[in-house]
Structure formats: structure tokens, C-alpha cells
Amino acid sequence: MEQKPVSFLVKFIMRAIIGMGLIFFVNQYIIPQETAWKVGLNAVSFLTSGTLGIPGVCLLYGILIYQNL
């Protein structure tokens, strides 16, 4: 019974760390410096990437691009 919350927490933290690393990588090396299409590294992006994983990171970039159109 105790394995389920611990397993969920470990998975959440791993997804969040990978998601934040992906956001940092995309902001630094893929998106040009003069554009405004950069997702911030904050609590909302941490929770979104931790909950949804890589699709959550794509969702954050999609929302940002939609707002800037």
C-alpha cells in the first residue's frame, strides 16, 4: 500500500526534471534569442511538466505560440 504514493512521487519528480531540462534546452539552443516564444522556468511549468510529461512541455509551447499569433 505504501509503494503507490512513493512510486507516484518518484515518477512525478523525474518527469518534472526532464521537462524542465527540455524547456531549458529548447529556450537556449533551438529558439532564436530575439523571439518572444520562450517558456519560463517557474512553478507552473514545473507542475505541468511533472503532471503531463513531454506532452505538457509541448502544450506550454503551443499555448505560448498561440498567444503570440
PDB file of N, CA and C in Angstrom:
ATOM      1  N   MET A   1       0.806  -1.187   0.000  1.00  0.00           N
ATOM      2  CA  MET A   1       0.000   0.000   0.000  1.00  0.00           C
ATOM      3  C   MET A   1       0.860   1.266   0.000  1.00  0.00           C
ATOM      4  N   GLU A   2       2.021   1.222   0.623  1.00  0.00           N
ATOM      5  CA  GLU A   2       2.877   2.396   0.686  1.00  0.00           C
ATOM      6  C   GLU A   2       3.669   2.621  -0.595  1.00  0.00           C
ATOM      7  N   GLN A   3       3.782   1.626  -1.447  1.00  0.00           N
ATOM      8  CA  GLN A   3       4.578   1.752  -2.669  1.00  0.00           C
ATOM      9  C   GLN A   3       3.924   2.694  -3.668  1.00  0.00           C
ATOM     10  N   LYS A   4       2.613   2.775  -3.701  1.00  0.00           N
ATOM     11  CA  LYS A   4       1.934   3.583  -4.703  1.00  0.00           C
ATOM     12  C   LYS A   4       2.234   5.084  -4.570  1.00  0.00           C
ATOM     13  N   PRO A   5       2.103   5.697  -3.384  1.00  0.00           N
ATOM     14  CA  PRO A   5       2.437   7.128  -3.284  1.00  0.00           C
ATOM     15  C   PRO A   5       3.915   7.418  -3.547  1.00  0.00           C
ATOM     16  N   VAL A   6       4.788   6.549  -3.099  1.00  0.00           N
ATOM     17  CA  VAL A   6       6.220   6.756  -3.325  1.00  0.00           C
ATOM     18  C   VAL A   6       6.530   6.636  -4.809  1.00  0.00           C
ATOM     19  N   SER A   7       5.946   5.646  -5.464  1.00  0.00           N
ATOM     20  CA  SER A   7       6.159   5.460  -6.893  1.00  0.00           C
ATOM     21  C   SER A   7       5.639   6.659  -7.690  1.00  0.00           C
ATOM     22  N   PHE A   8       4.468   7.161  -7.312  1.00  0.00           N
ATOM     23  CA  PHE A   8       3.909   8.330  -7.989  1.00  0.00           C
ATOM     24  C   PHE A   8       4.805   9.543  -7.816  1.00  0.00           C
ATOM     25  N   LEU A   9       5.303   9.754  -6.613  1.00  0.00           N
ATOM     26  CA  LEU A   9       6.161  10.906  -6.339  1.00  0.00           C
ATOM     27  C   LEU A   9       7.472  10.834  -7.117  1.00  0.00           C
ATOM     28  N   VAL A  10       8.059   9.657  -7.192  1.00  0.00           N
ATOM     29  CA  VAL A  10       9.314   9.492  -7.934  1.00  0.00           C
ATOM     30  C   VAL A  10       9.082   9.746  -9.420  1.00  0.00           C
ATOM     31  N   LYS A  11       8.005   9.213  -9.963  1.00  0.00           N
ATOM     32  CA  LYS A  11       7.691   9.436 -11.381  1.00  0.00           C
ATOM     33  C   LYS A  11       7.421  10.907 -11.659  1.00  0.00           C
ATOM     34  N   PHE A  12       6.687  11.556 -10.761  1.00  0.00           N
ATOM     35  CA  PHE A  12       6.380  12.978 -10.927  1.00  0.00           C
ATOM     36  C   PHE A  12       7.656  13.808 -10.951  1.00  0.00           C
ATOM     37  N   ILE A  13       8.538  13.559 -10.006  1.00  0.00           N
ATOM     38  CA  ILE A  13       9.785  14.333  -9.926  1.00  0.00           C
ATOM     39  C   ILE A  13      10.664  14.073 -11.143  1.00  0.00           C
ATOM     40  N   MET A  14      10.733  12.833 -11.600  1.00  0.00           N
ATOM     41  CA  MET A  14      11.543  12.525 -12.793  1.00  0.00           C
ATOM     42  C   MET A  14      10.975  13.216 -14.033  1.00  0.00           C
ATOM     43  N   ARG A  15       9.654  13.174 -14.217  1.00  0.00           N
ATOM     44  CA  ARG A  15       9.038  13.858 -15.361  1.00  0.00           C
ATOM     45  C   ARG A  15       9.271  15.360 -15.277  1.00  0.00           C
ATOM     46  N   ALA A  16       9.163  15.926 -14.077  1.00  0.00           N
ATOM     47  CA  ALA A  16       9.352  17.363 -13.908  1.00  0.00           C
ATOM     48  C   ALA A  16      10.792  17.773 -14.210  1.00  0.00           C
ATOM     49  N   ILE A  17      11.764  17.006 -13.742  1.00  0.00           N
ATOM     50  CA  ILE A  17      13.171  17.330 -14.004  1.00  0.00           C
ATOM     51  C   ILE A  17      13.478  17.223 -15.493  1.00  0.00           C
ATOM     52  N   ILE A  18      13.006  16.167 -16.129  1.00  0.00           N
ATOM     53  CA  ILE A  18      13.232  16.011 -17.569  1.00  0.00           C
ATOM     54  C   ILE A  18      12.534  17.122 -18.338  1.00  0.00           C
ATOM     55  N   GLY A  19      11.313  17.464 -17.940  1.00  0.00           N
ATOM     56  CA  GLY A  19      10.579  18.537 -18.612  1.00  0.00           C
ATOM     57  C   GLY A  19      11.256  19.883 -18.470  1.00  0.00           C
ATOM     58  N   MET A  20      11.736  20.198 -17.272  1.00  0.00           N
ATOM     59  CA  MET A  20      12.422  21.472 -17.074  1.00  0.00           C
ATOM     60  C   MET A  20      13.744  21.511 -17.851  1.00  0.00           C
ATOM     61  N   GLY A  21      14.434  20.379 -17.898  1.00  0.00           N
ATOM     62  CA  GLY A  21      15.654  20.309 -18.711  1.00  0.00           C
ATOM     63  C   GLY A  21      15.365  20.508 -20.182  1.00  0.00           C
ATOM     64  N   LEU A  22      14.266  19.934 -20.647  1.00  0.00           N
ATOM     65  CA  LEU A  22      13.877  20.104 -22.050  1.00  0.00           C
ATOM     66  C   LEU A  22      13.516  21.554 -22.347  1.00  0.00           C
ATOM     67  N   ILE A  23      12.786  22.188 -21.445  1.00  0.00           N
ATOM     68  CA  ILE A  23      12.443  23.603 -21.633  1.00  0.00           C
ATOM     69  C   ILE A  23      13.706  24.457 -21.673  1.00  0.00           C
ATOM     70  N   PHE A  24      14.638  24.203 -20.770  1.00  0.00           N
ATOM     71  CA  PHE A  24      15.895  24.952 -20.759  1.00  0.00           C
ATOM     72  C   PHE A  24      16.656  24.751 -22.065  1.00  0.00           C
ATOM     73  N   PHE A  25      16.747  23.496 -22.529  1.00  0.00           N
ATOM     74  CA  PHE A  25      17.462  23.200 -23.773  1.00  0.00           C
ATOM     75  C   PHE A  25      16.825  23.900 -24.966  1.00  0.00           C
ATOM     76  N   VAL A  26      15.515  23.831 -25.067  1.00  0.00           N
ATOM     77  CA  VAL A  26      14.819  24.457 -26.198  1.00  0.00           C
ATOM     78  C   VAL A  26      14.974  25.968 -26.145  1.00  0.00           C
ATOM     79  N   ASN A  27      14.845  26.560 -24.961  1.00  0.00           N
ATOM     80  CA  ASN A  27      14.994  28.012 -24.843  1.00  0.00           C
ATOM     81  C   ASN A  27      16.409  28.477 -25.190  1.00  0.00           C
ATOM     82  N   GLN A  28      17.417  27.701 -24.822  1.00  0.00           N
ATOM     83  CA  GLN A  28      18.802  28.119 -25.026  1.00  0.00           C
ATOM     84  C   GLN A  28      19.305  27.851 -26.441  1.00  0.00           C
ATOM     85  N   TYR A  29      18.977  26.692 -27.002  1.00  0.00           N
ATOM     86  CA  TYR A  29      19.659  26.255 -28.220  1.00  0.00           C
ATOM     87  C   TYR A  29      18.781  26.145 -29.466  1.00  0.00           C
ATOM     88  N   ILE A  30      17.488  26.070 -29.325  1.00  0.00           N
ATOM     89  CA  ILE A  30      16.646  25.874 -30.505  1.00  0.00           C
ATOM     90  C   ILE A  30      15.932  27.160 -30.917  1.00  0.00           C
ATOM     91  N   ILE A  31      15.375  27.881 -29.964  1.00  0.00           N
ATOM     92  CA  ILE A  31      14.647  29.109 -30.281  1.00  0.00           C
ATOM     93  C   ILE A  31      15.643  30.261 -30.392  1.00  0.00           C
ATOM     94  N   PRO A  32      15.520  31.070 -31.462  1.00  0.00           N
ATOM     95  CA  PRO A  32      16.439  32.220 -31.594  1.00  0.00           C
ATOM     96  C   PRO A  32      16.282  33.195 -30.428  1.00  0.00           C
ATOM     97  N   GLN A  33      17.345  33.923 -30.130  1.00  0.00           N
ATOM     98  CA  GLN A  33      17.378  34.819 -28.975  1.00  0.00           C
ATOM     99  C   GLN A  33      16.402  35.991 -29.095  1.00  0.00           C
ATOM    100  N   GLU A  34      16.110  36.436 -30.304  1.00  0.00           N
ATOM    101  CA  GLU A  34      15.290  37.644 -30.457  1.00  0.00           C
ATOM    102  C   GLU A  34      13.792  37.369 -30.450  1.00  0.00           C
ATOM    103  N   THR A  35      13.357  36.134 -30.325  1.00  0.00           N
ATOM    104  CA  THR A  35      11.924  35.836 -30.311  1.00  0.00           C
ATOM    105  C   THR A  35      11.370  35.858 -28.889  1.00  0.00           C
ATOM    106  N   ALA A  36      10.064  35.985 -28.802  1.00  0.00           N
ATOM    107  CA  ALA A  36       9.381  36.009 -27.503  1.00  0.00           C
ATOM    108  C   ALA A  36       8.727  34.662 -27.205  1.00  0.00           C
ATOM    109  N   TRP A  37       9.101  33.611 -27.902  1.00  0.00           N
ATOM    110  CA  TRP A  37       8.474  32.293 -27.748  1.00  0.00           C
ATOM    111  C   TRP A  37       9.269  31.427 -26.787  1.00  0.00           C
ATOM    112  N   LYS A  38       9.557  31.936 -25.611  1.00  0.00           N
ATOM    113  CA  LYS A  38      10.310  31.171 -24.621  1.00  0.00           C
ATOM    114  C   LYS A  38       9.439  30.910 -23.405  1.00  0.00           C
ATOM    115  N   VAL A  39       9.352  29.658 -23.019  1.00  0.00           N
ATOM    116  CA  VAL A  39       8.578  29.271 -21.842  1.00  0.00           C
ATOM    117  C   VAL A  39       9.426  29.542 -20.611  1.00  0.00           C
ATOM    118  N   GLY A  40       8.830  30.120 -19.593  1.00  0.00           N
ATOM    119  CA  GLY A  40       9.548  30.420 -18.371  1.00  0.00           C
ATOM    120  C   GLY A  40       9.769  29.179 -17.513  1.00  0.00           C
ATOM    121  N   LEU A  41      10.840  29.198 -16.759  1.00  0.00           N
ATOM    122  CA  LEU A  41      11.126  28.123 -15.808  1.00  0.00           C
ATOM    123  C   LEU A  41      10.554  28.545 -14.458  1.00  0.00           C
ATOM    124  N   ASN A  42       9.323  28.150 -14.192  1.00  0.00           N
ATOM    125  CA  ASN A  42       8.661  28.547 -12.957  1.00  0.00           C
ATOM    126  C   ASN A  42       7.825  27.393 -12.418  1.00  0.00           C
ATOM    127  N   ALA A  43       7.054  27.658 -11.388  1.00  0.00           N
ATOM    128  CA  ALA A  43       6.273  26.609 -10.726  1.00  0.00           C
ATOM    129  C   ALA A  43       5.198  26.031 -11.636  1.00  0.00           C
ATOM    130  N   VAL A  44       4.588  26.854 -12.464  1.00  0.00           N
ATOM    131  CA  VAL A  44       3.539  26.362 -13.358  1.00  0.00           C
ATOM    132  C   VAL A  44       4.116  25.394 -14.389  1.00  0.00           C
ATOM    133  N   SER A  45       5.247  25.737 -14.970  1.00  0.00           N
ATOM    134  CA  SER A  45       5.859  24.832 -15.943  1.00  0.00           C
ATOM    135  C   SER A  45       6.388  23.573 -15.253  1.00  0.00           C
ATOM    136  N   PHE A  46       6.851  23.683 -14.006  1.00  0.00           N
ATOM    137  CA  PHE A  46       7.295  22.515 -13.246  1.00  0.00           C
ATOM    138  C   PHE A  46       6.128  21.568 -12.987  1.00  0.00           C
ATOM    139  N   LEU A  47       4.995  22.106 -12.549  1.00  0.00           N
ATOM    140  CA  LEU A  47       3.829  21.267 -12.277  1.00  0.00           C
ATOM    141  C   LEU A  47       3.242  20.673 -13.556  1.00  0.00           C
ATOM    142  N   THR A  48       3.226  21.440 -14.631  1.00  0.00           N
ATOM    143  CA  THR A  48       2.688  20.941 -15.900  1.00  0.00           C
ATOM    144  C   THR A  48       3.569  19.838 -16.458  1.00  0.00           C
ATOM    145  N   SER A  49       4.857  20.041 -16.469  1.00  0.00           N
ATOM    146  CA  SER A  49       5.745  19.002 -16.997  1.00  0.00           C
ATOM    147  C   SER A  49       5.804  17.796 -16.072  1.00  0.00           C
ATOM    148  N   GLY A  50       5.639  18.003 -14.780  1.00  0.00           N
ATOM    149  CA  GLY A  50       5.619  16.890 -13.845  1.00  0.00           C
ATOM    150  C   GLY A  50       4.355  16.059 -13.965  1.00  0.00           C
ATOM    151  N   THR A  51       3.246  16.703 -14.236  1.00  0.00           N
ATOM    152  CA  THR A  51       1.972  16.004 -14.356  1.00  0.00           C
ATOM    153  C   THR A  51       1.811  15.343 -15.721  1.00  0.00           C
ATOM    154  N   LEU A  52       2.111  16.079 -16.788  1.00  0.00           N
ATOM    155  CA  LEU A  52       1.848  15.589 -18.137  1.00  0.00           C
ATOM    156  C   LEU A  52       3.082  15.049 -18.856  1.00  0.00           C
ATOM    157  N   GLY A  53       4.264  15.395 -18.404  1.00  0.00           N
ATOM    158  CA  GLY A  53       5.481  14.927 -19.053  1.00  0.00           C
ATOM    159  C   GLY A  53       5.821  15.741 -20.294  1.00  0.00           C
ATOM    160  N   ILE A  54       6.369  15.082 -21.304  1.00  0.00           N
ATOM    161  CA  ILE A  54       6.773  15.742 -22.552  1.00  0.00           C
ATOM    162  C   ILE A  54       5.575  16.381 -23.266  1.00  0.00           C
ATOM    163  N   PRO A  55       4.402  15.731 -23.318  1.00  0.00           N
ATOM    164  CA  PRO A  55       3.256  16.423 -23.920  1.00  0.00           C
ATOM    165  C   PRO A  55       2.889  17.714 -23.194  1.00  0.00           C
ATOM    166  N   GLY A  56       3.136  17.789 -21.905  1.00  0.00           N
ATOM    167  CA  GLY A  56       2.892  19.021 -21.162  1.00  0.00           C
ATOM    168  C   GLY A  56       3.827  20.139 -21.591  1.00  0.00           C
ATOM    169  N   VAL A  57       5.072  19.795 -21.870  1.00  0.00           N
ATOM    170  CA  VAL A  57       6.026  20.790 -22.365  1.00  0.00           C
ATOM    171  C   VAL A  57       5.585  21.286 -23.742  1.00  0.00           C
ATOM    172  N   CYS A  58       5.157  20.372 -24.593  1.00  0.00           N
ATOM    173  CA  CYS A  58       4.647  20.767 -25.914  1.00  0.00           C
ATOM    174  C   CYS A  58       3.409  21.644 -25.773  1.00  0.00           C
ATOM    175  N   LEU A  59       2.560  21.334 -24.799  1.00  0.00           N
ATOM    176  CA  LEU A  59       1.373  22.145 -24.538  1.00  0.00           C
ATOM    177  C   LEU A  59       1.757  23.558 -24.121  1.00  0.00           C
ATOM    178  N   LEU A  60       2.760  23.697 -23.270  1.00  0.00           N
ATOM    179  CA  LEU A  60       3.206  25.028 -22.858  1.00  0.00           C
ATOM    180  C   LEU A  60       3.704  25.847 -24.042  1.00  0.00           C
ATOM    181  N   TYR A  61       4.491  25.226 -24.918  1.00  0.00           N
ATOM    182  CA  TYR A  61       4.968  25.946 -26.106  1.00  0.00           C
ATOM    183  C   TYR A  61       3.817  26.253 -27.056  1.00  0.00           C
ATOM    184  N   GLY A  62       2.870  25.343 -27.178  1.00  0.00           N
ATOM    185  CA  GLY A  62       1.712  25.592 -28.035  1.00  0.00           C
ATOM    186  C   GLY A  62       0.875  26.753 -27.546  1.00  0.00           C
ATOM    187  N   ILE A  63       0.647  26.832 -26.243  1.00  0.00           N
ATOM    188  CA  ILE A  63      -0.111  27.948 -25.682  1.00  0.00           C
ATOM    189  C   ILE A  63       0.628  29.263 -25.904  1.00  0.00           C
ATOM    190  N   LEU A  64       1.926  29.259 -25.710  1.00  0.00           N
ATOM    191  CA  LEU A  64       2.724  30.467 -25.882  1.00  0.00           C
ATOM    192  C   LEU A  64       2.709  30.945 -27.340  1.00  0.00           C
ATOM    193  N   ILE A  65       2.850  30.013 -28.264  1.00  0.00           N
ATOM    194  CA  ILE A  65       2.826  30.385 -29.684  1.00  0.00           C
ATOM    195  C   ILE A  65       1.441  30.895 -30.083  1.00  0.00           C
ATOM    196  N   TYR A  66       0.388  30.253 -29.572  1.00  0.00           N
ATOM    197  CA  TYR A  66      -0.982  30.696 -29.875  1.00  0.00           C
ATOM    198  C   TYR A  66      -1.221  32.110 -29.355  1.00  0.00           C
ATOM    199  N   GLN A  67      -0.699  32.430 -28.168  1.00  0.00           N
ATOM    200  CA  GLN A  67      -0.875  33.770 -27.620  1.00  0.00           C
ATOM    201  C   GLN A  67      -0.148  34.832 -28.443  1.00  0.00           C
ATOM    202  N   ASN A  68       0.960  34.462 -29.065  1.00  0.00           N
ATOM    203  CA  ASN A  68       1.762  35.443 -29.803  1.00  0.00           C
ATOM    204  C   ASN A  68       1.350  35.591 -31.255  1.00  0.00           C
ATOM    205  N   LEU A  69       0.353  34.836 -31.709  1.00  0.00           N
ATOM    206  CA  LEU A  69      -0.090  34.985 -33.111  1.00  0.00           C
ATOM    207  C   LEU A  69      -0.990  36.163 -33.299  1.00  0.00           C
TER     208      LEU A  69
END
